[in-house]
Amino acid sequence: MKCILLYGSFGDGHVQVGKAISEVLAQEFGADVEMIDTFRTTNRFVAWFNERMFEWSTRYVPGLYGVSYDWTRNLATANPLWSLLARFSRKAAWRALEEHRPDIVVQLFPDHALARMPKGIRPFVAVVLTDFAVHSRWFHQGVDLYILPAQRAVDESVRFIQDKAVVVAGIPIRRQFSACTLMKQSGRSIVLLTGGRGVFPQFQDVLDRLVGRFPNHTIYVLCGRNQRMFAQVKSFAEARCVAERIVPVGFTEQLAAYLQQADFVMTKAGGVTVAECLACGVPMVFFRPLPGQERENANCVARMGAGLIVHSLRELEETLAILSDEVIAQLARRARENGRPAAAWTAAYRIVDAWKSFRGDETGTAVK
């Protein structure tokens, strides 16, 4: 069984989801799995430019990014804009089909490169949403199966999915998160997550509030690959004589070890990060979530009762003031109830099952 996973390097989330699914497909089914960044392998310069524009807009003009996200969120799946944007990835996607002749294609990034395919090639195509937010760009006519993160996403996707198969599996996350205990004990710690790029708004002001409100907690600041933030956090802690209570951490693959012991996390609202926190049963506090999918992810968690959203430092102070042990326990319980630590296994198994049915009914390269 040959599988290719298509992703885009716009953040670390899509890559982590791809690794989680690849591991299950390879180990449980003996699949030959290849991960391909269709944007970078279509045109490396254009992909680099688009990635920098994405990072720049979300960091410096998030409102503009949010407007574009909201404007396109409900466009028809056949809108010409999606076909136009697919030009940035179609060349590599089609080449992958022709060279690898895969049985299964798993799409991990919203893209319409496979809305149509090369003549005579028709693999089974599954789309795995990596956000709790639903956007029309995820949906196209070439898809056979959608893997969605929650039932609410199914309800919001009805107008796009039409007659396609749907499975609610959660967002696939790495194996380390499946080992989370159902009733973890508090480590009297707080984690501030800044994402792989190490970006968090007003993080020094946020740390000031956390240190003042929780004097008996250790605060771990996961700085990602941002060495400048690491140095700033270290200097901040030393200047306020709290170096033993504020601990900067560089990029680490062992995120679960920090989340499992945390009372709560201050975090960005990326879809994969949210899924990892839910799997660990840890409450989330979102500080000024970015417009677009992060805002929608945060809203989804708030509706679950597993997290809180604050938009200013004043709101943060008010929110931290109500975070008693009882409130944290309630939020943690709702997080555990909504966590899906086995999402990678569920997604992989359901994809393979659907492919087995598909190859018996369809013709093309997917048929053995």
Protein backbone atom coordinates (compact mmCIF):
# COMPACT_ATOMS: atom_id res chain seq x y z
CA MET A 1 0.00 0.00 0.00
CA LYS A 2 1.50 3.31 -1.11
CA CYS A 3 0.49 6.53 0.60
CA ILE A 4 1.53 10.12 0.07
CA LEU A 5 0.74 12.91 2.50
CA LEU A 6 0.53 16.43 1.10
CA TYR A 7 1.18 19.40 3.37
CA GLY A 8 2.31 23.02 3.38
CA SER A 9 5.03 24.57 5.56
CA PHE A 10 2.82 27.29 7.01
CA GLY A 11 3.54 26.57 10.68
CA ASP A 12 4.55 23.28 12.30
CA GLY A 13 1.08 21.84 12.80
CA HIS A 14 0.59 20.21 9.42
CA VAL A 15 3.96 18.49 9.64
CA GLN A 16 3.23 17.13 13.12
CA VAL A 17 -0.13 15.75 11.97
CA GLY A 18 1.56 14.16 8.97
CA LYS A 19 4.17 12.46 11.17
CA ALA A 20 1.49 11.14 13.51
CA ILE A 21 -0.55 9.58 10.69
CA SER A 22 2.55 8.33 8.85
CA GLU A 23 3.71 6.44 11.92
CA VAL A 24 0.42 4.57 12.22
CA LEU A 25 0.17 3.82 8.50
CA ALA A 26 3.72 2.48 8.41
CA GLN A 27 3.70 0.50 11.66
CA GLU A 28 0.15 -0.84 11.65
CA PHE A 29 -0.37 -1.40 7.92
CA GLY A 30 3.15 -1.68 6.54
CA ALA A 31 2.45 1.23 4.21
CA ASP A 32 5.09 2.90 2.10
CA VAL A 33 4.55 6.53 3.16
CA GLU A 34 5.97 9.70 1.62
CA MET A 35 5.36 13.25 2.92
CA ILE A 36 5.51 16.00 0.29
CA ASP A 37 5.36 19.77 0.68
CA THR A 38 3.59 20.50 -2.59
CA PHE A 39 4.14 24.25 -2.31
CA ARG A 40 7.90 24.17 -1.83
CA THR A 41 8.39 21.48 -4.46
CA THR A 42 6.26 23.31 -7.02
CA ASN A 43 8.15 26.59 -6.72
CA ARG A 44 10.52 27.06 -3.80
CA PHE A 45 10.83 30.82 -4.20
CA VAL A 46 7.09 31.43 -4.45
CA ALA A 47 6.50 29.13 -1.48
CA TRP A 48 9.13 30.99 0.55
CA PHE A 49 7.51 34.31 -0.33
CA ASN A 50 4.03 33.05 0.60
CA GLU A 51 5.27 31.64 3.90
CA ARG A 52 6.98 34.91 4.81
CA MET A 53 3.85 36.86 3.85
CA PHE A 54 1.75 34.56 6.04
CA GLU A 55 4.09 35.01 9.00
CA TRP A 56 4.35 38.76 8.47
CA SER A 57 0.60 39.32 8.15
CA THR A 58 -0.31 37.17 11.16
CA ARG A 59 2.35 38.86 13.28
CA TYR A 60 2.08 42.51 12.25
CA VAL A 61 -1.31 42.99 10.59
CA PRO A 62 -3.46 40.18 11.99
CA GLY A 63 -6.60 42.21 11.35
CA LEU A 64 -5.90 42.19 7.62
CA TYR A 65 -5.33 38.45 7.68
CA GLY A 66 -8.56 38.02 9.61
CA VAL A 67 -10.51 40.02 7.04
CA SER A 68 -9.20 37.84 4.20
CA TYR A 69 -9.98 34.69 6.19
CA ASP A 70 -13.54 35.77 6.94
CA TRP A 71 -14.12 36.95 3.36
CA THR A 72 -13.14 33.61 1.88
CA ARG A 73 -14.48 31.35 4.61
CA ASN A 74 -17.85 30.70 2.99
CA LEU A 75 -16.93 30.90 -0.68
CA ALA A 76 -18.31 28.17 -2.91
CA THR A 77 -15.99 25.19 -3.21
CA ALA A 78 -15.89 25.74 -6.98
CA ASN A 79 -14.93 29.42 -6.66
CA PRO A 80 -12.23 30.36 -9.25
CA LEU A 81 -10.04 31.73 -6.44
CA TRP A 82 -9.30 28.22 -5.20
CA SER A 83 -8.30 27.06 -8.67
CA LEU A 84 -6.04 30.09 -8.99
CA LEU A 85 -4.32 29.43 -5.66
CA ALA A 86 -3.89 25.76 -6.58
CA ARG A 87 -1.37 26.87 -9.22
CA PHE A 88 1.12 27.24 -6.35
CA SER A 89 0.95 23.51 -5.55
CA ARG A 90 -0.61 21.57 -8.44
CA LYS A 91 2.63 20.88 -10.31
CA ALA A 92 4.18 18.99 -7.39
CA ALA A 93 0.92 17.29 -6.44
CA TRP A 94 0.41 15.92 -9.96
CA ARG A 95 4.06 14.91 -10.26
CA ALA A 96 3.72 12.99 -6.99
CA LEU A 97 0.74 11.12 -8.37
CA GLU A 98 2.55 10.24 -11.59
CA GLU A 99 5.83 9.21 -9.91
CA HIS A 100 4.55 7.38 -6.84
CA ARG A 101 1.25 6.03 -8.21
CA PRO A 102 -0.17 6.05 -4.66
CA ASP A 103 -3.13 4.04 -3.47
CA ILE A 104 -4.00 6.71 -0.92
CA VAL A 105 -3.42 10.46 -0.80
CA VAL A 106 -3.92 12.26 2.52
CA GLN A 107 -4.24 16.02 2.24
CA LEU A 108 -3.21 17.96 5.37
CA PHE A 109 -3.43 21.51 4.07
CA PRO A 110 -6.40 23.39 2.57
CA ASP A 111 -5.74 23.27 -1.17
CA HIS A 112 -7.50 22.44 -4.43
CA ALA A 113 -4.55 20.95 -6.33
CA LEU A 114 -6.39 17.62 -6.50
CA ALA A 115 -9.80 19.01 -7.38
CA ARG A 116 -8.89 17.57 -10.78
CA MET A 117 -6.19 14.99 -11.48
CA PRO A 118 -3.98 13.75 -14.31
CA LYS A 119 -5.78 11.56 -16.83
CA GLY A 120 -5.92 7.91 -15.88
CA ILE A 121 -4.84 8.43 -12.27
CA ARG A 122 -7.40 8.22 -9.48
CA PRO A 123 -6.12 7.37 -6.00
CA PHE A 124 -8.27 7.45 -2.89
CA VAL A 125 -8.15 10.98 -1.44
CA ALA A 126 -8.71 11.79 2.24
CA VAL A 127 -8.64 15.29 3.70
CA VAL A 128 -7.70 15.70 7.37
CA LEU A 129 -8.68 19.06 8.85
CA THR A 130 -5.96 20.37 11.14
CA ASP A 131 -8.11 23.11 12.69
CA PHE A 132 -11.37 23.06 14.61
CA ALA A 133 -12.40 25.96 12.39
CA VAL A 134 -14.13 25.15 9.10
CA HIS A 135 -13.09 26.99 5.94
CA SER A 136 -14.35 26.40 2.40
CA ARG A 137 -10.82 25.97 1.03
CA TRP A 138 -10.60 22.52 2.64
CA PHE A 139 -13.37 21.10 0.46
CA HIS A 140 -13.27 20.10 -3.21
CA GLN A 141 -14.73 17.57 -5.62
CA GLY A 142 -11.68 15.27 -5.68
CA VAL A 143 -12.10 14.19 -2.05
CA ASP A 144 -13.47 10.77 -1.05
CA LEU A 145 -13.29 11.05 2.73
CA TYR A 146 -13.12 13.90 5.23
CA ILE A 147 -11.58 13.42 8.68
CA LEU A 148 -13.05 16.13 10.91
CA PRO A 149 -12.04 17.18 14.44
CA ALA A 150 -15.47 17.35 16.12
CA GLN A 151 -19.18 16.99 15.49
CA ARG A 152 -19.61 20.75 15.35
CA ALA A 153 -17.23 20.81 12.37
CA VAL A 154 -19.46 18.27 10.65
CA ASP A 155 -22.49 20.49 11.21
CA GLU A 156 -20.66 23.52 9.82
CA SER A 157 -19.36 21.56 6.81
CA VAL A 158 -22.64 20.15 5.53
CA ARG A 159 -22.96 22.83 2.85
CA PHE A 160 -19.49 21.96 1.51
CA ILE A 161 -19.29 18.18 1.87
CA GLN A 162 -22.35 17.21 -0.21
CA ASP A 163 -22.34 13.40 -0.63
CA LYS A 164 -18.79 12.69 0.60
CA ALA A 165 -17.98 10.32 3.47
CA VAL A 166 -17.19 11.90 6.84
CA VAL A 167 -15.50 10.59 9.99
CA VAL A 168 -15.16 12.46 13.29
CA ALA A 169 -11.76 11.42 14.62
CA GLY A 170 -10.20 14.53 16.13
CA ILE A 171 -6.96 16.11 14.95
CA PRO A 172 -4.20 13.46 14.74
CA ILE A 173 -1.47 14.06 17.30
CA ARG A 174 1.78 12.32 18.18
CA ARG A 175 2.08 9.11 20.19
CA GLN A 176 3.45 10.88 23.28
CA PHE A 177 0.03 12.43 23.91
CA SER A 178 -1.70 9.06 24.05
CA ALA A 179 0.14 8.28 27.28
CA CYS A 180 -1.55 11.08 29.22
CA THR A 181 -3.12 9.87 32.45
CA LEU A 182 -6.86 10.39 32.86
CA MET A 183 -6.40 11.89 36.33
CA LYS A 184 -3.04 13.62 36.21
CA GLN A 185 -1.67 15.23 39.36
CA SER A 186 -0.85 18.90 39.34
CA GLY A 187 2.79 19.77 39.17
CA ARG A 188 2.05 23.29 40.39
CA SER A 189 3.24 24.60 37.08
CA ILE A 190 1.95 26.83 34.30
CA VAL A 191 3.06 26.60 30.70
CA LEU A 192 3.20 29.51 28.29
CA LEU A 193 3.17 28.13 24.75
CA THR A 194 4.45 30.37 21.98
CA GLY A 195 4.36 27.98 19.02
CA GLY A 196 7.23 26.76 16.89
CA ARG A 197 8.09 30.30 15.81
CA GLY A 198 8.17 31.61 19.38
CA VAL A 199 5.65 34.42 19.06
CA PHE A 200 3.36 35.60 21.85
CA PRO A 201 1.85 39.09 22.27
CA GLN A 202 2.96 41.15 25.31
CA PHE A 203 4.56 38.08 26.85
CA GLN A 204 6.47 40.07 29.50
CA ASP A 205 3.27 41.72 30.71
CA VAL A 206 1.58 38.32 30.75
CA LEU A 207 4.44 36.86 32.79
CA ASP A 208 4.17 39.73 35.28
CA ARG A 209 0.50 38.88 35.88
CA LEU A 210 1.16 35.16 36.17
CA VAL A 211 4.01 35.60 38.68
CA GLY A 212 1.91 37.91 40.83
CA ARG A 213 -1.24 35.79 40.82
CA PHE A 214 0.40 32.36 41.22
CA PRO A 215 3.36 32.82 43.59
CA ASN A 216 3.74 29.08 44.24
CA HIS A 217 3.87 27.97 40.61
CA THR A 218 6.77 27.48 38.24
CA ILE A 219 6.14 29.03 34.84
CA TYR A 220 7.69 27.29 31.85
CA VAL A 221 7.93 29.46 28.74
CA LEU A 222 8.29 27.29 25.66
CA CYS A 223 10.02 29.60 23.21
CA GLY A 224 10.09 27.36 20.16
CA ARG A 225 12.91 28.19 17.78
CA ASN A 226 12.97 31.86 18.81
CA GLN A 227 16.38 32.25 20.48
CA ARG A 228 15.77 35.95 20.97
CA MET A 229 12.64 35.26 23.02
CA PHE A 230 14.57 32.68 25.05
CA ALA A 231 17.15 35.32 25.97
CA GLN A 232 14.47 37.91 26.71
CA VAL A 233 12.60 35.57 29.04
CA LYS A 234 15.81 34.69 30.86
CA SER A 235 16.75 38.36 31.28
CA PHE A 236 13.22 39.22 32.41
CA ALA A 237 13.27 36.53 35.10
CA GLU A 238 16.73 37.52 36.37
CA ALA A 239 15.85 41.22 36.48
CA ARG A 240 12.81 40.49 38.68
CA CYS A 241 14.69 37.98 40.84
CA VAL A 242 12.33 35.13 39.90
CA ALA A 243 14.71 33.04 37.81
CA GLU A 244 13.77 29.93 39.78
CA ARG A 245 10.08 30.46 38.93
CA ILE A 246 10.25 31.49 35.26
CA VAL A 247 12.04 28.89 33.15
CA PRO A 248 12.61 29.48 29.43
CA VAL A 249 12.65 26.32 27.31
CA GLY A 250 13.98 26.11 23.76
CA PHE A 251 12.43 24.05 21.01
CA THR A 252 11.49 20.63 22.33
CA GLU A 253 9.83 17.55 20.86
CA GLN A 254 8.73 16.43 24.34
CA LEU A 255 5.83 18.83 24.72
CA ALA A 256 3.55 16.31 26.42
CA ALA A 257 5.85 16.11 29.44
CA TYR A 258 5.21 19.80 30.15
CA LEU A 259 1.49 19.80 29.39
CA GLN A 260 0.70 16.72 31.50
CA GLN A 261 1.99 18.39 34.67
CA ALA A 262 0.57 21.88 34.06
CA ASP A 263 -2.41 23.32 35.95
CA PHE A 264 -3.20 25.34 32.84
CA VAL A 265 -1.52 26.77 29.75
CA MET A 266 -1.41 30.25 28.27
CA THR A 267 -1.31 29.48 24.60
CA LYS A 268 -1.81 30.36 21.00
CA ALA A 269 -4.87 28.71 19.47
CA GLY A 270 -3.40 26.60 16.69
CA GLY A 271 -5.54 23.57 15.92
CA VAL A 272 -2.84 20.99 16.69
CA THR A 273 -1.85 22.75 19.92
CA VAL A 274 -5.47 22.75 21.03
CA ALA A 275 -5.79 19.03 20.25
CA GLU A 276 -2.63 18.28 22.23
CA CYS A 277 -3.85 20.25 25.24
CA LEU A 278 -7.24 18.53 25.16
CA ALA A 279 -5.56 15.12 25.01
CA CYS A 280 -3.54 16.02 28.11
CA GLY A 281 -6.63 17.29 29.92
CA VAL A 282 -5.08 20.69 30.52
CA PRO A 283 -7.19 23.91 30.52
CA MET A 284 -6.28 26.67 28.09
CA VAL A 285 -6.25 30.44 28.45
CA PHE A 286 -6.05 32.19 25.08
CA PHE A 287 -4.58 35.69 25.17
CA ARG A 288 -5.59 37.85 22.22
CA PRO A 289 -6.13 34.99 19.73
CA LEU A 290 -5.31 35.94 16.16
CA PRO A 291 -8.21 36.66 13.81
CA GLY A 292 -8.92 33.77 11.49
CA GLN A 293 -8.64 30.11 12.34
CA GLU A 294 -6.99 30.71 15.73
CA ARG A 295 -9.90 32.87 16.84
CA GLU A 296 -12.33 30.17 15.72
CA ASN A 297 -10.30 27.43 17.42
CA ALA A 298 -10.36 29.42 20.67
CA ASN A 299 -14.11 29.95 20.37
CA CYS A 300 -14.57 26.21 19.90
CA VAL A 301 -12.61 25.42 23.07
CA ALA A 302 -14.56 28.05 25.02
CA ARG A 303 -17.83 26.43 23.90
CA MET A 304 -16.49 23.08 25.12
CA GLY A 305 -15.90 24.64 28.52
CA ALA A 306 -12.23 23.66 28.36
CA GLY A 307 -10.70 27.13 28.07
CA LEU A 308 -11.10 30.87 28.45
CA ILE A 309 -10.45 33.76 26.06
CA VAL A 310 -9.05 37.13 27.08
CA HIS A 311 -8.48 40.11 24.81
CA SER A 312 -6.55 42.53 27.04
CA LEU A 313 -4.30 42.66 30.08
CA ARG A 314 -7.21 43.86 32.20
CA GLU A 315 -9.30 40.89 31.12
CA LEU A 316 -6.31 38.67 31.85
CA GLU A 317 -6.09 39.95 35.42
CA GLU A 318 -9.81 39.36 35.93
CA THR A 319 -9.59 35.87 34.46
CA LEU A 320 -6.56 34.83 36.50
CA ALA A 321 -8.35 36.05 39.63
CA ILE A 322 -11.15 33.50 39.16
CA LEU A 323 -8.86 30.57 38.34
CA SER A 324 -9.25 28.78 41.65
CA ASP A 325 -8.38 25.12 42.02
CA GLU A 326 -12.07 24.29 41.62
CA VAL A 327 -12.42 26.25 38.39
CA ILE A 328 -9.24 24.75 36.98
CA ALA A 329 -10.51 21.26 37.84
CA GLN A 330 -13.79 21.93 36.01
CA LEU A 331 -11.96 23.19 32.93
CA ALA A 332 -9.61 20.21 33.04
CA ARG A 333 -12.51 17.78 33.20
CA ARG A 334 -14.08 19.30 30.10
CA ALA A 335 -10.71 19.17 28.33
CA ARG A 336 -10.36 15.45 29.09
CA GLU A 337 -13.92 14.79 27.92
CA ASN A 338 -13.18 16.43 24.58
CA GLY A 339 -9.66 15.10 24.10
CA ARG A 340 -8.96 12.51 21.42
CA PRO A 341 -5.45 11.17 22.10
CA ALA A 342 -6.01 8.25 19.71
CA ALA A 343 -7.00 10.48 16.78
CA ALA A 344 -4.04 9.39 14.64
CA TRP A 345 -5.01 5.72 14.99
CA THR A 346 -8.69 6.45 14.36
CA ALA A 347 -7.92 8.53 11.27
CA ALA A 348 -5.47 6.02 9.80
CA TYR A 349 -7.74 3.02 10.36
CA ARG A 350 -10.78 4.76 8.92
CA ILE A 351 -8.80 5.94 5.89
CA VAL A 352 -7.57 2.42 5.17
CA ASP A 353 -11.05 0.93 5.67
CA ALA A 354 -12.57 3.47 3.29
CA TRP A 355 -9.80 2.82 0.75
CA LYS A 356 -10.53 -0.91 0.81
CA SER A 357 -14.15 -0.19 -0.10
CA PHE A 358 -13.09 2.34 -2.70
CA ARG A 359 -10.73 0.03 -4.57
CA GLY A 360 -13.47 -2.54 -4.98
CA ASP A 361 -15.80 -0.07 -6.67
CA GLU A 362 -13.53 2.25 -8.63
CA THR A 363 -11.10 1.81 -11.49
CA GLY A 364 -7.73 3.42 -11.91
CA THR A 365 -4.32 3.18 -10.28
CA ALA A 366 -5.84 2.63 -6.86
CA VAL A 367 -7.12 -0.79 -7.94
CA LYS A 368 -4.80 -3.75 -7.27
